[in-house]
C-alpha atoms as a PDB file:
ATOM      1  CA  MET A   1       0.000   0.000   0.000  1.00  0.00           C
ATOM      2  CA  ALA A   2       1.652   3.189  -1.198  1.00  0.00           C
ATOM      3  CA  SER A   3       0.965   6.728  -0.014  1.00  0.00           C
ATOM      4  CA  ASN A   4      -0.159   7.804  -3.499  1.00  0.00           C
ATOM      5  CA  LYS A   5      -3.488   5.969  -3.210  1.00  0.00           C
ATOM      6  CA  VAL A   6      -6.869   6.799  -1.729  1.00  0.00           C
ATOM      7  CA  PHE A   7      -8.583   4.297   0.546  1.00  0.00           C
ATOM      8  CA  ILE A   8     -12.338   4.071  -0.261  1.00  0.00           C
ATOM      9  CA  VAL A   9     -14.943   2.083   1.674  1.00  0.00           C
ATOM     10  CA  ARG A  10     -18.496   1.871   0.351  1.00  0.00           C
ATOM     11  CA  CYS A  11     -21.268  -0.665   0.924  1.00  0.00           C
ATOM     12  CA  GLY A  12     -18.895  -3.005   2.732  1.00  0.00           C
ATOM     13  CA  LYS A  13     -16.388  -3.048  -0.155  1.00  0.00           C
ATOM     14  CA  VAL A  14     -12.864  -1.610  -0.044  1.00  0.00           C
ATOM     15  CA  TRP A  15     -10.874  -0.025  -2.885  1.00  0.00           C
ATOM     16  CA  PHE A  16      -7.448   1.559  -3.245  1.00  0.00           C
ATOM     17  CA  VAL A  17      -7.473   4.155  -6.025  1.00  0.00           C
ATOM     18  CA  ASN A  18      -4.510   6.065  -7.468  1.00  0.00           C
ATOM     19  CA  TYR A  19      -4.704   9.852  -7.118  1.00  0.00           C
ATOM     20  CA  GLU A  20      -4.254  10.313 -10.874  1.00  0.00           C
ATOM     21  CA  ASP A  21      -7.375   8.159 -11.484  1.00  0.00           C
ATOM     22  CA  ILE A  22      -9.597  10.518  -9.472  1.00  0.00           C
ATOM     23  CA  ASN A  23     -11.474  13.358 -11.170  1.00  0.00           C
ATOM     24  CA  ILE A  24     -13.058  15.946  -8.867  1.00  0.00           C
ATOM     25  CA  SER A  25     -15.059  18.946  -9.990  1.00  0.00           C
ATOM     26  CA  THR A  26     -16.708  21.710  -7.994  1.00  0.00           C
ATOM     27  CA  SER A  27     -19.315  24.359  -8.635  1.00  0.00           C
ATOM     28  CA  GLN A  28     -21.200  26.990  -6.701  1.00  0.00           C
ATOM     29  CA  VAL A  29     -24.875  26.653  -5.869  1.00  0.00           C
ATOM     30  CA  ARG A  30     -27.310  28.927  -4.083  1.00  0.00           C
ATOM     31  CA  PHE A  31     -28.601  26.956  -1.122  1.00  0.00           C
ATOM     32  CA  ILE A  32     -31.797  28.094   0.577  1.00  0.00           C
ATOM     33  CA  GLU A  33     -31.507  27.467   4.320  1.00  0.00           C
ATOM     34  CA  SER A  34     -34.652  26.981   6.389  1.00  0.00           C
ATOM     35  CA  ASP A  35     -32.845  26.262   9.673  1.00  0.00           C
ATOM     36  CA  PRO A  36     -30.863  28.811  11.701  1.00  0.00           C
ATOM     37  CA  VAL A  37     -27.521  29.608  10.070  1.00  0.00           C
ATOM     38  CA  PRO A  38     -24.161  29.544  11.903  1.00  0.00           C
ATOM     39  CA  ASN A  39     -22.834  32.822  13.324  1.00  0.00           C
ATOM     40  CA  ASP A  40     -19.974  32.938  10.806  1.00  0.00           C
ATOM     41  CA  ALA A  41     -22.223  32.305   7.760  1.00  0.00           C
ATOM     42  CA  VAL A  42     -22.493  34.970   5.087  1.00  0.00           C
ATOM     43  CA  ILE A  43     -26.106  35.573   4.001  1.00  0.00           C
ATOM     44  CA  VAL A  44     -25.927  36.582   0.336  1.00  0.00           C
ATOM     45  CA  ASP A  45     -29.631  37.110  -0.343  1.00  0.00           C
ATOM     46  CA  ARG A  46     -33.165  36.584   0.947  1.00  0.00           C
ATOM     47  CA  THR A  47     -36.292  35.165  -0.661  1.00  0.00           C
ATOM     48  CA  TRP A  48     -39.847  34.423   0.368  1.00  0.00           C
ATOM     49  CA  LEU A  49     -40.714  31.011   1.774  1.00  0.00           C
ATOM     50  CA  TYR A  50     -43.572  30.706  -0.756  1.00  0.00           C
ATOM     51  CA  VAL A  51     -42.659  32.539  -3.943  1.00  0.00           C
ATOM     52  CA  ASN A  52     -44.187  33.110  -7.389  1.00  0.00           C
ATOM     53  CA  LYS A  53     -42.162  32.586 -10.583  1.00  0.00           C
ATOM     54  CA  ASN A  54     -41.563  36.341 -10.807  1.00  0.00           C
ATOM     55  CA  GLY A  55     -40.053  36.471  -7.296  1.00  0.00           C
ATOM     56  CA  THR A  56     -42.965  38.101  -5.475  1.00  0.00           C
ATOM     57  CA  PRO A  57     -44.477  36.481  -2.367  1.00  0.00           C
ATOM     58  CA  ASP A  58     -47.314  34.041  -3.037  1.00  0.00           C
ATOM     59  CA  LYS A  59     -50.447  35.778  -1.768  1.00  0.00           C
ATOM     60  CA  ARG A  60     -52.258  32.480  -1.171  1.00  0.00           C
ATOM     61  CA  PHE A  61     -50.270  32.175   2.062  1.00  0.00           C
ATOM     62  CA  LYS A  62     -50.950  34.628   4.900  1.00  0.00           C
ATOM     63  CA  TYR A  63     -47.676  33.946   6.696  1.00  0.00           C
ATOM     64  CA  LYS A  64     -45.141  35.605   4.374  1.00  0.00           C
ATOM     65  CA  GLN A  65     -41.914  34.536   6.016  1.00  0.00           C
ATOM     66  CA  SER A  66     -38.649  35.354   4.295  1.00  0.00           C
ATOM     67  CA  THR A  67     -35.788  32.880   4.296  1.00  0.00           C
ATOM     68  CA  ARG A  68     -32.085  33.328   3.539  1.00  0.00           C
ATOM     69  CA  PHE A  69     -29.546  31.739   1.220  1.00  0.00           C
END
């Protein structure tokens, strides 16, 4: 077992994979949080809990709570 491999365990099976055989990609997403956010979180925007396609609050709901993401 060399140090240039990754140890993977999934569904009771074990694999050793070379680093050069791993392809990792990342991207940014806007995540809407309904639970309290951590103190060090950066809130980038707010939206309504129930929203129309044009971004206005859905008037069918009396409780027009905003949420953050």
